[in-house]
Amino acid sequence: MKTLYWILIFLGTFSIMEFMAWFTHKYIMHGFLWSLHKDHHLKDHDSWFERNDAFFIFYAIVSMTCFYLWSYEDIWYTLPIGLGIMAYGAAYFLVHDIFIHQRFKMFRNANNWYARGVRRAHKIHHKHIGKEDGENFGMLVVPFKYFKK
């Protein structure tokens, strides 16, 4: 039974992270921490790294804290929570940074309906270079209106 709980907690955490990514992006990145996020919309430097990359540190710390609590405090359910956060972070990095923004030159030839929809939705978001008016959505769950065949 513990295995079932473990899987449900992992999947639940992964799913909640999609909401957290949307919430963080809309209210924090395009809110009071716009100063860190704006270089993602309007590149004002020559570096491969962006100030925006600092946001992953927060979720990494939360995930590492969960691993600590599991390992040293023997709180079993913090392991699937920490792994769910980490797995979402890896999926986000793969979809957003590698697939969409091509920070590594991979998946350039992906051209199925999902790939086109994700790219289209993100392009619409990035056409706004200011703090306001950017259409917002999660990274993995994109509104169906962007999926055209």
Protein backbone atom coordinates (compact mmCIF):
# COMPACT_ATOMS: atom_id res chain seq x y z
CA MET A 1 0.00 0.00 0.00
CA LYS A 2 2.90 2.34 0.73
CA THR A 3 4.07 1.93 -2.88
CA LEU A 4 0.69 3.11 -4.15
CA TYR A 5 0.85 6.17 -1.87
CA TRP A 6 4.41 6.82 -3.01
CA ILE A 7 3.35 6.78 -6.69
CA LEU A 8 0.29 8.95 -6.05
CA ILE A 9 2.34 11.50 -4.08
CA PHE A 10 4.98 11.61 -6.83
CA LEU A 11 2.38 12.07 -9.59
CA GLY A 12 0.42 14.58 -7.52
CA THR A 13 3.55 16.62 -6.82
CA PHE A 14 4.55 16.57 -10.49
CA SER A 15 1.05 17.77 -11.43
CA ILE A 16 0.96 20.49 -8.78
CA MET A 17 4.28 21.77 -10.10
CA GLU A 18 2.59 22.66 -13.40
CA PHE A 19 0.27 24.95 -11.43
CA MET A 20 3.24 26.29 -9.44
CA ALA A 21 5.12 27.07 -12.67
CA TRP A 22 2.10 28.97 -14.00
CA PHE A 23 1.56 30.81 -10.70
CA THR A 24 5.25 31.67 -10.25
CA HIS A 25 5.51 32.88 -13.82
CA LYS A 26 2.37 35.02 -13.74
CA TYR A 27 2.60 36.55 -10.27
CA ILE A 28 6.30 36.44 -9.37
CA MET A 29 8.31 36.47 -12.60
CA HIS A 30 5.97 38.96 -14.26
CA GLY A 31 5.42 40.58 -10.86
CA PHE A 32 7.83 41.71 -8.20
CA LEU A 33 10.81 39.72 -9.56
CA TRP A 34 10.46 40.99 -13.14
CA SER A 35 14.01 42.35 -12.80
CA LEU A 36 15.29 38.75 -12.83
CA HIS A 37 12.92 37.50 -15.52
CA LYS A 38 12.99 40.33 -18.07
CA ASP A 39 16.22 39.16 -19.71
CA HIS A 40 14.34 36.02 -20.74
CA HIS A 41 12.00 38.16 -22.86
CA LEU A 42 14.43 40.87 -23.91
CA LYS A 43 17.97 39.58 -24.04
CA ASP A 44 20.21 42.44 -22.87
CA HIS A 45 23.49 40.54 -22.53
CA ASP A 46 25.79 38.20 -24.46
CA SER A 47 25.99 35.46 -21.83
CA TRP A 48 24.54 31.98 -22.28
CA PHE A 49 23.19 32.31 -18.74
CA GLU A 50 20.27 34.57 -17.95
CA ARG A 51 19.32 36.21 -14.66
CA ASN A 52 16.10 34.27 -15.17
CA ASP A 53 18.03 31.04 -14.53
CA ALA A 54 18.10 31.94 -10.83
CA PHE A 55 14.47 30.81 -10.46
CA PHE A 56 15.38 27.15 -10.68
CA ILE A 57 17.42 27.54 -7.48
CA PHE A 58 14.30 28.04 -5.35
CA TYR A 59 12.68 24.79 -6.47
CA ALA A 60 16.01 22.96 -6.29
CA ILE A 61 16.34 24.02 -2.65
CA VAL A 62 12.80 22.81 -1.89
CA SER A 63 13.55 19.48 -3.59
CA MET A 64 16.88 19.08 -1.76
CA THR A 65 15.17 19.88 1.55
CA CYS A 66 12.74 17.05 0.86
CA PHE A 67 15.65 14.68 0.18
CA TYR A 68 17.26 15.78 3.45
CA LEU A 69 14.06 15.19 5.41
CA TRP A 70 13.69 11.73 3.89
CA SER A 71 17.32 10.78 4.44
CA TYR A 72 18.06 12.23 7.88
CA GLU A 73 14.66 12.68 9.52
CA ASP A 74 13.10 9.49 8.09
CA ILE A 75 9.97 11.21 6.75
CA TRP A 76 9.16 8.74 3.95
CA TYR A 77 6.72 10.87 1.93
CA THR A 78 9.25 13.66 1.39
CA LEU A 79 11.17 11.42 -1.05
CA PRO A 80 8.35 11.20 -3.63
CA ILE A 81 7.67 14.92 -3.12
CA GLY A 82 11.33 15.80 -3.74
CA LEU A 83 11.52 13.48 -6.74
CA GLY A 84 8.26 14.90 -8.15
CA ILE A 85 9.65 18.43 -7.95
CA MET A 86 12.93 17.30 -9.49
CA ALA A 87 11.19 15.37 -12.28
CA TYR A 88 9.05 18.39 -13.13
CA GLY A 89 12.16 20.57 -13.17
CA ALA A 90 13.83 18.16 -15.59
CA ALA A 91 10.73 18.06 -17.82
CA TYR A 92 10.47 21.86 -17.73
CA PHE A 93 14.14 22.23 -18.64
CA LEU A 94 13.75 19.73 -21.48
CA VAL A 95 10.60 21.35 -22.93
CA HIS A 96 11.30 25.04 -22.24
CA ASP A 97 15.06 25.50 -22.39
CA ILE A 98 16.11 22.72 -24.76
CA PHE A 99 13.09 22.19 -27.03
CA ILE A 100 11.56 25.68 -27.23
CA HIS A 101 14.52 28.01 -26.71
CA GLN A 102 17.14 25.68 -28.21
CA ARG A 103 19.76 26.42 -25.55
CA PHE A 104 21.19 23.10 -26.66
CA LYS A 105 20.77 22.24 -30.31
CA MET A 106 18.47 19.25 -29.91
CA PHE A 107 14.95 18.36 -31.08
CA ARG A 108 15.11 20.91 -33.91
CA ASN A 109 13.29 18.59 -36.30
CA ALA A 110 10.39 17.75 -33.98
CA ASN A 111 7.32 18.78 -35.94
CA ASN A 112 4.32 16.86 -34.60
CA TRP A 113 1.08 18.57 -33.50
CA TYR A 114 2.17 18.80 -29.85
CA ALA A 115 5.57 20.30 -30.73
CA ARG A 116 4.00 22.89 -33.02
CA GLY A 117 1.37 23.79 -30.39
CA VAL A 118 3.92 24.26 -27.61
CA ARG A 119 6.15 26.39 -29.84
CA ARG A 120 3.20 28.48 -31.07
CA ALA A 121 1.91 29.14 -27.54
CA HIS A 122 5.35 30.12 -26.28
CA LYS A 123 5.99 32.39 -29.27
CA ILE A 124 2.75 34.23 -28.54
CA HIS A 125 3.84 34.69 -24.94
CA HIS A 126 7.24 36.02 -26.00
CA LYS A 127 5.89 38.52 -28.50
CA HIS A 128 5.28 40.71 -25.44
CA ILE A 129 8.64 41.95 -24.22
CA GLY A 130 7.25 43.91 -21.28
CA LYS A 131 6.09 42.94 -17.82
CA GLU A 132 2.38 43.20 -18.69
CA ASP A 133 0.13 41.63 -21.30
CA GLY A 134 1.96 38.33 -21.75
CA GLU A 135 -0.47 35.45 -22.24
CA ASN A 136 0.31 32.85 -19.63
CA PHE A 137 0.01 29.07 -19.42
CA GLY A 138 1.91 26.10 -18.03
CA MET A 139 4.87 24.65 -19.84
CA LEU A 140 3.63 21.10 -20.28
CA VAL A 141 -0.12 21.67 -20.41
CA VAL A 142 -0.81 24.15 -23.18
CA PRO A 143 -4.34 25.35 -24.10
CA PHE A 144 -5.84 23.37 -26.98
CA LYS A 145 -6.38 26.48 -29.10
CA TYR A 146 -2.67 26.37 -30.01
CA PHE A 147 -2.85 22.83 -31.41
CA LYS A 148 -3.77 23.15 -35.07
CA LYS A 149 -3.23 20.37 -37.53
